[in-house]
Amino acid sequence: MKKYYLIENDVYFISHRIKEIDKSYFIVFNCEKNKFEVHALGQMGGTYCFTLPFDMLDARTLDYTLKTRSQNLAKLIEEIDKQNLKLTKDNFKKAVNKLEEVLL
């Protein structure tokens, strides 16, 4: 049994539309992981780019692909930093509230 199947046709034409983002992109289905993966030709160290966090190919695939492109790295890091700061503040508030409950 093959480990990967190249996705050349799909219901929403995602395998064709992803090439509008980058002509070297192609989608495979990894049978061992039961997941879709995006690969790119001409990439150093192999073709693998990322595993899609969705069970089917749809518009989310294109959005996720755009979001994870290396050209958007600075924006993505900024977004992660903002989320981490929010989580830190939320956790701090929860800890303060618990201390107040214990002390009062």
PDB file of N, CA and C in Angstrom:
ATOM      1  N   MET A   1       0.834  -1.188   0.000  1.00  0.00           N
ATOM      2  CA  MET A   1       0.000   0.000   0.000  1.00  0.00           C
ATOM      3  C   MET A   1       0.879   1.252   0.000  1.00  0.00           C
ATOM      4  N   LYS A   2       0.487   2.234  -0.761  1.00  0.00           N
ATOM      5  CA  LYS A   2       1.233   3.483  -0.837  1.00  0.00           C
ATOM      6  C   LYS A   2       1.073   4.274   0.451  1.00  0.00           C
ATOM      7  N   LYS A   3       2.116   5.006   0.813  1.00  0.00           N
ATOM      8  CA  LYS A   3       2.056   5.853   2.002  1.00  0.00           C
ATOM      9  C   LYS A   3       1.369   7.183   1.677  1.00  0.00           C
ATOM     10  N   TYR A   4       1.591   7.693   0.468  1.00  0.00           N
ATOM     11  CA  TYR A   4       1.036   8.984   0.049  1.00  0.00           C
ATOM     12  C   TYR A   4       0.226   8.841  -1.230  1.00  0.00           C
ATOM     13  N   TYR A   5      -0.855   9.586  -1.306  1.00  0.00           N
ATOM     14  CA  TYR A   5      -1.621   9.694  -2.544  1.00  0.00           C
ATOM     15  C   TYR A   5      -1.662  11.153  -2.957  1.00  0.00           C
ATOM     16  N   LEU A   6      -1.252  11.410  -4.181  1.00  0.00           N
ATOM     17  CA  LEU A   6      -1.311  12.760  -4.726  1.00  0.00           C
ATOM     18  C   LEU A   6      -2.764  13.122  -5.002  1.00  0.00           C
ATOM     19  N   ILE A   7      -3.186  14.272  -4.497  1.00  0.00           N
ATOM     20  CA  ILE A   7      -4.552  14.744  -4.719  1.00  0.00           C
ATOM     21  C   ILE A   7      -4.521  15.676  -5.933  1.00  0.00           C
ATOM     22  N   GLU A   8      -5.040  15.190  -7.034  1.00  0.00           N
ATOM     23  CA  GLU A   8      -5.051  15.982  -8.262  1.00  0.00           C
ATOM     24  C   GLU A   8      -6.416  16.585  -8.540  1.00  0.00           C
ATOM     25  N   ASN A   9      -7.457  15.963  -8.030  1.00  0.00           N
ATOM     26  CA  ASN A   9      -8.822  16.447  -8.210  1.00  0.00           C
ATOM     27  C   ASN A   9      -9.580  16.294  -6.899  1.00  0.00           C
ATOM     28  N   ASP A  10     -10.374  17.297  -6.572  1.00  0.00           N
ATOM     29  CA  ASP A  10     -11.205  17.222  -5.378  1.00  0.00           C
ATOM     30  C   ASP A  10     -12.477  18.028  -5.630  1.00  0.00           C
ATOM     31  N   VAL A  11     -13.444  17.854  -4.780  1.00  0.00           N
ATOM     32  CA  VAL A  11     -14.776  18.431  -4.960  1.00  0.00           C
ATOM     33  C   VAL A  11     -14.746  19.954  -5.120  1.00  0.00           C
ATOM     34  N   TYR A  12     -13.938  20.632  -4.309  1.00  0.00           N
ATOM     35  CA  TYR A  12     -13.899  22.103  -4.321  1.00  0.00           C
ATOM     36  C   TYR A  12     -12.720  22.670  -5.121  1.00  0.00           C
ATOM     37  N   PHE A  13     -12.020  21.828  -5.855  1.00  0.00           N
ATOM     38  CA  PHE A  13     -10.883  22.238  -6.693  1.00  0.00           C
ATOM     39  C   PHE A  13      -9.756  22.880  -5.881  1.00  0.00           C
ATOM     40  N   ILE A  14      -9.614  22.465  -4.619  1.00  0.00           N
ATOM     41  CA  ILE A  14      -8.584  23.015  -3.746  1.00  0.00           C
ATOM     42  C   ILE A  14      -7.193  22.690  -4.293  1.00  0.00           C
ATOM     43  N   SER A  15      -7.027  21.493  -4.821  1.00  0.00           N
ATOM     44  CA  SER A  15      -5.721  21.098  -5.355  1.00  0.00           C
ATOM     45  C   SER A  15      -5.285  21.982  -6.523  1.00  0.00           C
ATOM     46  N   HIS A  16      -6.238  22.578  -7.226  1.00  0.00           N
ATOM     47  CA  HIS A  16      -5.905  23.510  -8.309  1.00  0.00           C
ATOM     48  C   HIS A  16      -5.791  24.937  -7.777  1.00  0.00           C
ATOM     49  N   ARG A  17      -6.678  25.311  -6.872  1.00  0.00           N
ATOM     50  CA  ARG A  17      -6.713  26.670  -6.355  1.00  0.00           C
ATOM     51  C   ARG A  17      -5.501  26.987  -5.479  1.00  0.00           C
ATOM     52  N   ILE A  18      -4.917  25.957  -4.848  1.00  0.00           N
ATOM     53  CA  ILE A  18      -3.748  26.186  -4.002  1.00  0.00           C
ATOM     54  C   ILE A  18      -2.551  26.648  -4.841  1.00  0.00           C
ATOM     55  N   LYS A  19      -2.561  26.286  -6.108  1.00  0.00           N
ATOM     56  CA  LYS A  19      -1.488  26.705  -7.017  1.00  0.00           C
ATOM     57  C   LYS A  19      -1.556  28.202  -7.324  1.00  0.00           C
ATOM     58  N   GLU A  20      -2.700  28.840  -7.070  1.00  0.00           N
ATOM     59  CA  GLU A  20      -2.813  30.289  -7.209  1.00  0.00           C
ATOM     60  C   GLU A  20      -2.020  30.992  -6.108  1.00  0.00           C
ATOM     61  N   ILE A  21      -1.852  30.326  -4.985  1.00  0.00           N
ATOM     62  CA  ILE A  21      -1.055  30.870  -3.885  1.00  0.00           C
ATOM     63  C   ILE A  21       0.419  30.689  -4.195  1.00  0.00           C
ATOM     64  N   ASP A  22       0.789  29.502  -4.629  1.00  0.00           N
ATOM     65  CA  ASP A  22       2.170  29.200  -5.002  1.00  0.00           C
ATOM     66  C   ASP A  22       2.129  28.065  -6.018  1.00  0.00           C
ATOM     67  N   LYS A  23       2.700  28.291  -7.184  1.00  0.00           N
ATOM     68  CA  LYS A  23       2.644  27.307  -8.276  1.00  0.00           C
ATOM     69  C   LYS A  23       3.320  25.986  -7.929  1.00  0.00           C
ATOM     70  N   SER A  24       4.244  26.021  -6.952  1.00  0.00           N
ATOM     71  CA  SER A  24       4.965  24.795  -6.611  1.00  0.00           C
ATOM     72  C   SER A  24       4.229  23.930  -5.587  1.00  0.00           C
ATOM     73  N   TYR A  25       3.122  24.416  -5.028  1.00  0.00           N
ATOM     74  CA  TYR A  25       2.372  23.651  -4.031  1.00  0.00           C
ATOM     75  C   TYR A  25       1.627  22.467  -4.654  1.00  0.00           C
ATOM     76  N   PHE A  26       1.564  21.381  -3.888  1.00  0.00           N
ATOM     77  CA  PHE A  26       0.698  20.263  -4.228  1.00  0.00           C
ATOM     78  C   PHE A  26       0.253  19.593  -2.940  1.00  0.00           C
ATOM     79  N   ILE A  27      -0.863  18.877  -3.004  1.00  0.00           N
ATOM     80  CA  ILE A  27      -1.455  18.262  -1.821  1.00  0.00           C
ATOM     81  C   ILE A  27      -1.376  16.750  -1.938  1.00  0.00           C
ATOM     82  N   VAL A  28      -0.991  16.122  -0.834  1.00  0.00           N
ATOM     83  CA  VAL A  28      -0.987  14.667  -0.768  1.00  0.00           C
ATOM     84  C   VAL A  28      -1.795  14.235   0.452  1.00  0.00           C
ATOM     85  N   PHE A  29      -2.278  12.998   0.405  1.00  0.00           N
ATOM     86  CA  PHE A  29      -2.922  12.409   1.571  1.00  0.00           C
ATOM     87  C   PHE A  29      -1.958  11.400   2.154  1.00  0.00           C
ATOM     88  N   ASN A  30      -1.573  11.597   3.415  1.00  0.00           N
ATOM     89  CA  ASN A  30      -0.669  10.688   4.108  1.00  0.00           C
ATOM     90  C   ASN A  30      -1.517   9.577   4.732  1.00  0.00           C
ATOM     91  N   CYS A  31      -1.401   8.371   4.201  1.00  0.00           N
ATOM     92  CA  CYS A  31      -2.232   7.247   4.647  1.00  0.00           C
ATOM     93  C   CYS A  31      -1.869   6.771   6.051  1.00  0.00           C
ATOM     94  N   GLU A  32      -0.611   6.918   6.461  1.00  0.00           N
ATOM     95  CA  GLU A  32      -0.213   6.488   7.798  1.00  0.00           C
ATOM     96  C   GLU A  32      -0.793   7.406   8.868  1.00  0.00           C
ATOM     97  N   LYS A  33      -0.791   8.705   8.593  1.00  0.00           N
ATOM     98  CA  LYS A  33      -1.302   9.684   9.560  1.00  0.00           C
ATOM     99  C   LYS A  33      -2.778  10.004   9.347  1.00  0.00           C
ATOM    100  N   ASN A  34      -3.304   9.578   8.205  1.00  0.00           N
ATOM    101  CA  ASN A  34      -4.692   9.856   7.841  1.00  0.00           C
ATOM    102  C   ASN A  34      -4.954  11.365   7.797  1.00  0.00           C
ATOM    103  N   LYS A  35      -3.992  12.105   7.215  1.00  0.00           N
ATOM    104  CA  LYS A  35      -4.055  13.564   7.152  1.00  0.00           C
ATOM    105  C   LYS A  35      -3.631  14.059   5.772  1.00  0.00           C
ATOM    106  N   PHE A  36      -4.134  15.251   5.409  1.00  0.00           N
ATOM    107  CA  PHE A  36      -3.692  15.925   4.194  1.00  0.00           C
ATOM    108  C   PHE A  36      -2.442  16.742   4.502  1.00  0.00           C
ATOM    109  N   GLU A  37      -1.522  16.775   3.549  1.00  0.00           N
ATOM    110  CA  GLU A  37      -0.294  17.557   3.695  1.00  0.00           C
ATOM    111  C   GLU A  37      -0.102  18.435   2.466  1.00  0.00           C
ATOM    112  N   VAL A  38       0.490  19.590   2.687  1.00  0.00           N
ATOM    113  CA  VAL A  38       0.858  20.474   1.588  1.00  0.00           C
ATOM    114  C   VAL A  38       2.364  20.362   1.399  1.00  0.00           C
ATOM    115  N   HIS A  39       2.763  20.193   0.161  1.00  0.00           N
ATOM    116  CA  HIS A  39       4.172  20.077  -0.202  1.00  0.00           C
ATOM    117  C   HIS A  39       4.473  21.113  -1.275  1.00  0.00           C
ATOM    118  N   ALA A  40       5.766  21.405  -1.464  1.00  0.00           N
ATOM    119  CA  ALA A  40       6.184  22.354  -2.493  1.00  0.00           C
ATOM    120  C   ALA A  40       7.416  21.825  -3.206  1.00  0.00           C
ATOM    121  N   LEU A  41       7.389  21.862  -4.511  1.00  0.00           N
ATOM    122  CA  LEU A  41       8.539  21.454  -5.311  1.00  0.00           C
ATOM    123  C   LEU A  41       9.638  22.506  -5.183  1.00  0.00           C
ATOM    124  N   GLY A  42      10.881  22.073  -5.272  1.00  0.00           N
ATOM    125  CA  GLY A  42      11.996  23.011  -5.267  1.00  0.00           C
ATOM    126  C   GLY A  42      12.366  23.529  -3.889  1.00  0.00           C
ATOM    127  N   GLN A  43      11.743  22.990  -2.866  1.00  0.00           N
ATOM    128  CA  GLN A  43      12.053  23.420  -1.502  1.00  0.00           C
ATOM    129  C   GLN A  43      13.264  22.642  -1.009  1.00  0.00           C
ATOM    130  N   MET A  44      14.177  23.313  -0.338  1.00  0.00           N
ATOM    131  CA  MET A  44      15.378  22.642   0.168  1.00  0.00           C
ATOM    132  C   MET A  44      15.013  21.675   1.286  1.00  0.00           C
ATOM    133  N   GLY A  45      15.649  20.521   1.294  1.00  0.00           N
ATOM    134  CA  GLY A  45      15.453  19.551   2.352  1.00  0.00           C
ATOM    135  C   GLY A  45      14.221  18.683   2.195  1.00  0.00           C
ATOM    136  N   GLY A  46      13.578  18.714   1.066  1.00  0.00           N
ATOM    137  CA  GLY A  46      12.380  17.913   0.836  1.00  0.00           C
ATOM    138  C   GLY A  46      11.218  18.794   0.419  1.00  0.00           C
ATOM    139  N   THR A  47      10.085  18.179   0.165  1.00  0.00           N
ATOM    140  CA  THR A  47       8.936  18.936  -0.338  1.00  0.00           C
ATOM    141  C   THR A  47       7.924  19.289   0.743  1.00  0.00           C
ATOM    142  N   TYR A  48       7.990  18.630   1.911  1.00  0.00           N
ATOM    143  CA  TYR A  48       6.984  18.820   2.962  1.00  0.00           C
ATOM    144  C   TYR A  48       6.953  20.268   3.454  1.00  0.00           C
ATOM    145  N   CYS A  49       5.736  20.840   3.527  1.00  0.00           N
ATOM    146  CA  CYS A  49       5.544  22.185   4.086  1.00  0.00           C
ATOM    147  C   CYS A  49       4.816  22.114   5.421  1.00  0.00           C
ATOM    148  N   PHE A  50       3.616  21.537   5.415  1.00  0.00           N
ATOM    149  CA  PHE A  50       2.839  21.434   6.650  1.00  0.00           C
ATOM    150  C   PHE A  50       1.699  20.438   6.490  1.00  0.00           C
ATOM    151  N   THR A  51       1.196  20.000   7.636  1.00  0.00           N
ATOM    152  CA  THR A  51       0.036  19.107   7.691  1.00  0.00           C
ATOM    153  C   THR A  51      -1.197  19.949   7.952  1.00  0.00           C
ATOM    154  N   LEU A  52      -2.237  19.712   7.206  1.00  0.00           N
ATOM    155  CA  LEU A  52      -3.479  20.467   7.394  1.00  0.00           C
ATOM    156  C   LEU A  52      -4.228  19.951   8.623  1.00  0.00           C
ATOM    157  N   PRO A  53      -4.750  20.852   9.451  1.00  0.00           N
ATOM    158  CA  PRO A  53      -5.464  20.431  10.661  1.00  0.00           C
ATOM    159  C   PRO A  53      -6.941  20.115  10.414  1.00  0.00           C
ATOM    160  N   PHE A  54      -7.300  19.856   9.176  1.00  0.00           N
ATOM    161  CA  PHE A  54      -8.697  19.600   8.808  1.00  0.00           C
ATOM    162  C   PHE A  54      -8.823  18.205   8.195  1.00  0.00           C
ATOM    163  N   ASP A  55      -9.996  17.611   8.353  1.00  0.00           N
ATOM    164  CA  ASP A  55     -10.235  16.271   7.819  1.00  0.00           C
ATOM    165  C   ASP A  55     -10.663  16.260   6.361  1.00  0.00           C
ATOM    166  N   MET A  56     -10.931  17.447   5.805  1.00  0.00           N
ATOM    167  CA  MET A  56     -11.342  17.520   4.406  1.00  0.00           C
ATOM    168  C   MET A  56     -10.743  18.768   3.761  1.00  0.00           C
ATOM    169  N   LEU A  57     -10.685  18.758   2.446  1.00  0.00           N
ATOM    170  CA  LEU A  57     -10.177  19.909   1.705  1.00  0.00           C
ATOM    171  C   LEU A  57     -11.336  20.847   1.411  1.00  0.00           C
ATOM    172  N   ASP A  58     -11.225  22.069   1.904  1.00  0.00           N
ATOM    173  CA  ASP A  58     -12.239  23.088   1.654  1.00  0.00           C
ATOM    174  C   ASP A  58     -11.576  24.460   1.746  1.00  0.00           C
ATOM    175  N   ALA A  59     -12.361  25.523   1.817  1.00  0.00           N
ATOM    176  CA  ALA A  59     -11.823  26.887   1.816  1.00  0.00           C
ATOM    177  C   ALA A  59     -10.867  27.130   2.977  1.00  0.00           C
ATOM    178  N   ARG A  60     -11.057  26.431   4.085  1.00  0.00           N
ATOM    179  CA  ARG A  60     -10.144  26.573   5.221  1.00  0.00           C
ATOM    180  C   ARG A  60      -8.716  26.213   4.838  1.00  0.00           C
ATOM    181  N   THR A  61      -8.575  25.268   3.923  1.00  0.00           N
ATOM    182  CA  THR A  61      -7.260  24.859   3.450  1.00  0.00           C
ATOM    183  C   THR A  61      -6.531  26.034   2.818  1.00  0.00           C
ATOM    184  N   LEU A  62      -7.225  26.780   1.995  1.00  0.00           N
ATOM    185  CA  LEU A  62      -6.617  27.940   1.335  1.00  0.00           C
ATOM    186  C   LEU A  62      -6.282  29.031   2.346  1.00  0.00           C
ATOM    187  N   ASP A  63      -7.197  29.283   3.286  1.00  0.00           N
ATOM    188  CA  ASP A  63      -6.947  30.287   4.319  1.00  0.00           C
ATOM    189  C   ASP A  63      -5.735  29.912   5.161  1.00  0.00           C
ATOM    190  N   TYR A  64      -5.664  28.652   5.562  1.00  0.00           N
ATOM    191  CA  TYR A  64      -4.556  28.167   6.381  1.00  0.00           C
ATOM    192  C   TYR A  64      -3.238  28.263   5.608  1.00  0.00           C
ATOM    193  N   THR A  65      -3.281  27.925   4.335  1.00  0.00           N
ATOM    194  CA  THR A  65      -2.084  27.996   3.495  1.00  0.00           C
ATOM    195  C   THR A  65      -1.584  29.433   3.385  1.00  0.00           C
ATOM    196  N   LEU A  66      -2.487  30.358   3.163  1.00  0.00           N
ATOM    197  CA  LEU A  66      -2.099  31.776   3.093  1.00  0.00           C
ATOM    198  C   LEU A  66      -1.513  32.256   4.415  1.00  0.00           C
ATOM    199  N   LYS A  67      -2.137  31.853   5.496  1.00  0.00           N
ATOM    200  CA  LYS A  67      -1.704  32.304   6.821  1.00  0.00           C
ATOM    201  C   LYS A  67      -0.317  31.785   7.181  1.00  0.00           C
ATOM    202  N   THR A  68       0.010  30.569   6.762  1.00  0.00           N
ATOM    203  CA  THR A  68       1.271  29.948   7.163  1.00  0.00           C
ATOM    204  C   THR A  68       2.424  30.200   6.194  1.00  0.00           C
ATOM    205  N   ARG A  69       2.206  30.971   5.161  1.00  0.00           N
ATOM    206  CA  ARG A  69       3.294  31.243   4.205  1.00  0.00           C
ATOM    207  C   ARG A  69       4.433  31.982   4.880  1.00  0.00           C
ATOM    208  N   SER A  70       5.651  31.716   4.472  1.00  0.00           N
ATOM    209  CA  SER A  70       6.825  32.349   5.087  1.00  0.00           C
ATOM    210  C   SER A  70       6.801  33.868   4.940  1.00  0.00           C
ATOM    211  N   GLN A  71       6.126  34.374   3.903  1.00  0.00           N
ATOM    212  CA  GLN A  71       6.023  35.815   3.725  1.00  0.00           C
ATOM    213  C   GLN A  71       5.208  36.458   4.843  1.00  0.00           C
ATOM    214  N   ASN A  72       4.381  35.673   5.516  1.00  0.00           N
ATOM    215  CA  ASN A  72       3.539  36.181   6.597  1.00  0.00           C
ATOM    216  C   ASN A  72       4.111  35.865   7.971  1.00  0.00           C
ATOM    217  N   LEU A  73       5.378  35.488   8.025  1.00  0.00           N
ATOM    218  CA  LEU A  73       5.994  35.043   9.272  1.00  0.00           C
ATOM    219  C   LEU A  73       5.939  36.114  10.357  1.00  0.00           C
ATOM    220  N   ALA A  74       6.296  37.344  10.032  1.00  0.00           N
ATOM    221  CA  ALA A  74       6.302  38.418  11.036  1.00  0.00           C
ATOM    222  C   ALA A  74       4.906  38.628  11.616  1.00  0.00           C
ATOM    223  N   LYS A  75       3.894  38.638  10.755  1.00  0.00           N
ATOM    224  CA  LYS A  75       2.521  38.821  11.202  1.00  0.00           C
ATOM    225  C   LYS A  75       2.074  37.649  12.074  1.00  0.00           C
ATOM    226  N   LEU A  76       2.449  36.451  11.688  1.00  0.00           N
ATOM    227  CA  LEU A  76       2.083  35.256  12.439  1.00  0.00           C
ATOM    228  C   LEU A  76       2.730  35.272  13.827  1.00  0.00           C
ATOM    229  N   ILE A  77       3.993  35.649  13.902  1.00  0.00           N
ATOM    230  CA  ILE A  77       4.689  35.729  15.187  1.00  0.00           C
ATOM    231  C   ILE A  77       4.045  36.786  16.073  1.00  0.00           C
ATOM    232  N   GLU A  78       3.677  37.921  15.489  1.00  0.00           N
ATOM    233  CA  GLU A  78       3.000  38.972  16.241  1.00  0.00           C
ATOM    234  C   GLU A  78       1.667  38.467  16.806  1.00  0.00           C
ATOM    235  N   GLU A  79       0.936  37.736  15.991  1.00  0.00           N
ATOM    236  CA  GLU A  79      -0.345  37.169  16.420  1.00  0.00           C
ATOM    237  C   GLU A  79      -0.155  36.182  17.573  1.00  0.00           C
ATOM    238  N   ILE A  80       0.860  35.350  17.479  1.00  0.00           N
ATOM    239  CA  ILE A  80       1.164  34.386  18.538  1.00  0.00           C
ATOM    240  C   ILE A  80       1.558  35.108  19.815  1.00  0.00           C
ATOM    241  N   ASP A  81       2.405  36.139  19.688  1.00  0.00           N
ATOM    242  CA  ASP A  81       2.828  36.914  20.855  1.00  0.00           C
ATOM    243  C   ASP A  81       1.641  37.581  21.551  1.00  0.00           C
ATOM    244  N   LYS A  82       0.711  38.134  20.776  1.00  0.00           N
ATOM    245  CA  LYS A  82      -0.484  38.761  21.359  1.00  0.00           C
ATOM    246  C   LYS A  82      -1.314  37.738  22.120  1.00  0.00           C
ATOM    247  N   GLN A  83      -1.493  36.569  21.523  1.00  0.00           N
ATOM    248  CA  GLN A  83      -2.273  35.517  22.174  1.00  0.00           C
ATOM    249  C   GLN A  83      -1.586  35.048  23.453  1.00  0.00           C
ATOM    250  N   ASN A  84      -0.256  34.898  23.413  1.00  0.00           N
ATOM    251  CA  ASN A  84       0.480  34.482  24.602  1.00  0.00           C
ATOM    252  C   ASN A  84       0.380  35.527  25.713  1.00  0.00           C
ATOM    253  N   LEU A  85       0.454  36.804  25.368  1.00  0.00           N
ATOM    254  CA  LEU A  85       0.319  37.882  26.350  1.00  0.00           C
ATOM    255  C   LEU A  85      -1.067  37.839  26.987  1.00  0.00           C
ATOM    256  N   LYS A  86      -2.094  37.650  26.176  1.00  0.00           N
ATOM    257  CA  LYS A  86      -3.464  37.560  26.688  1.00  0.00           C
ATOM    258  C   LYS A  86      -3.598  36.387  27.656  1.00  0.00           C
ATOM    259  N   LEU A  87      -3.047  35.237  27.286  1.00  0.00           N
ATOM    260  CA  LEU A  87      -3.107  34.056  28.156  1.00  0.00           C
ATOM    261  C   LEU A  87      -2.372  34.304  29.470  1.00  0.00           C
ATOM    262  N   THR A  88      -1.233  34.958  29.398  1.00  0.00           N
ATOM    263  CA  THR A  88      -0.468  35.275  30.601  1.00  0.00           C
ATOM    264  C   THR A  88      -1.265  36.192  31.523  1.00  0.00           C
ATOM    265  N   LYS A  89      -1.875  37.227  30.959  1.00  0.00           N
ATOM    266  CA  LYS A  89      -2.689  38.153  31.755  1.00  0.00           C
ATOM    267  C   LYS A  89      -3.877  37.427  32.380  1.00  0.00           C
ATOM    268  N   ASP A  90      -4.552  36.591  31.600  1.00  0.00           N
ATOM    269  CA  ASP A  90      -5.700  35.834  32.111  1.00  0.00           C
ATOM    270  C   ASP A  90      -5.287  34.908  33.256  1.00  0.00           C
ATOM    271  N   ASN A  91      -4.161  34.223  33.079  1.00  0.00           N
ATOM    272  CA  ASN A  91      -3.669  33.320  34.124  1.00  0.00           C
ATOM    273  C   ASN A  91      -3.278  34.088  35.384  1.00  0.00           C
ATOM    274  N   PHE A  92      -2.696  35.264  35.215  1.00  0.00           N
ATOM    275  CA  PHE A  92      -2.321  36.103  36.354  1.00  0.00           C
ATOM    276  C   PHE A  92      -3.572  36.534  37.121  1.00  0.00           C
ATOM    277  N   LYS A  93      -4.604  36.964  36.380  1.00  0.00           N
ATOM    278  CA  LYS A  93      -5.859  37.377  37.026  1.00  0.00           C
ATOM    279  C   LYS A  93      -6.484  36.217  37.795  1.00  0.00           C
ATOM    280  N   LYS A  94      -6.470  35.027  37.223  1.00  0.00           N
ATOM    281  CA  LYS A  94      -7.023  33.849  37.904  1.00  0.00           C
ATOM    282  C   LYS A  94      -6.245  33.555  39.182  1.00  0.00           C
ATOM    283  N   ALA A  95      -4.920  33.660  39.120  1.00  0.00           N
ATOM    284  CA  ALA A  95      -4.096  33.402  40.305  1.00  0.00           C
ATOM    285  C   ALA A  95      -4.377  34.433  41.394  1.00  0.00           C
ATOM    286  N   VAL A  96      -4.520  35.700  41.029  1.00  0.00           N
ATOM    287  CA  VAL A  96      -4.826  36.757  41.995  1.00  0.00           C
ATOM    288  C   VAL A  96      -6.190  36.501  42.627  1.00  0.00           C
ATOM    289  N   ASN A  97      -7.173  36.131  41.820  1.00  0.00           N
ATOM    290  CA  ASN A  97      -8.514  35.847  42.335  1.00  0.00           C
ATOM    291  C   ASN A  97      -8.488  34.680  43.329  1.00  0.00           C
ATOM    292  N   LYS A  98      -7.739  33.641  43.033  1.00  0.00           N
ATOM    293  CA  LYS A  98      -7.643  32.495  43.932  1.00  0.00           C
ATOM    294  C   LYS A  98      -6.974  32.895  45.248  1.00  0.00           C
ATOM    295  N   LEU A  99      -5.925  33.727  45.156  1.00  0.00           N
ATOM    296  CA  LEU A  99      -5.257  34.206  46.369  1.00  0.00           C
ATOM    297  C   LEU A  99      -6.204  35.034  47.213  1.00  0.00           C
ATOM    298  N   GLU A 100      -6.977  35.889  46.569  1.00  0.00           N
ATOM    299  CA  GLU A 100      -7.934  36.726  47.304  1.00  0.00           C
ATOM    300  C   GLU A 100      -8.958  35.856  48.012  1.00  0.00           C
ATOM    301  N   GLU A 101      -9.424  34.792  47.342  1.00  0.00           N
ATOM    302  CA  GLU A 101     -10.403  33.883  47.948  1.00  0.00           C
ATOM    303  C   GLU A 101      -9.815  33.203  49.192  1.00  0.00           C
ATOM    304  N   VAL A 102      -8.579  32.787  49.085  1.00  0.00           N
ATOM    305  CA  VAL A 102      -7.930  32.083  50.187  1.00  0.00           C
ATOM    306  C   VAL A 102      -7.657  33.032  51.362  1.00  0.00           C
ATOM    307  N   LEU A 103      -7.201  34.244  51.049  1.00  0.00           N
ATOM    308  CA  LEU A 103      -6.842  35.198  52.083  1.00  0.00           C
ATOM    309  C   LEU A 103      -8.043  35.886  52.726  1.00  0.00           C
ATOM    310  N   LEU A 104      -9.151  35.967  52.036  1.00  0.00           N
ATOM    311  CA  LEU A 104     -10.316  36.661  52.578  1.00  0.00           C
ATOM    312  C   LEU A 104     -11.272  35.761  53.197  1.00  0.00           C
TER     313      LEU A 104
END
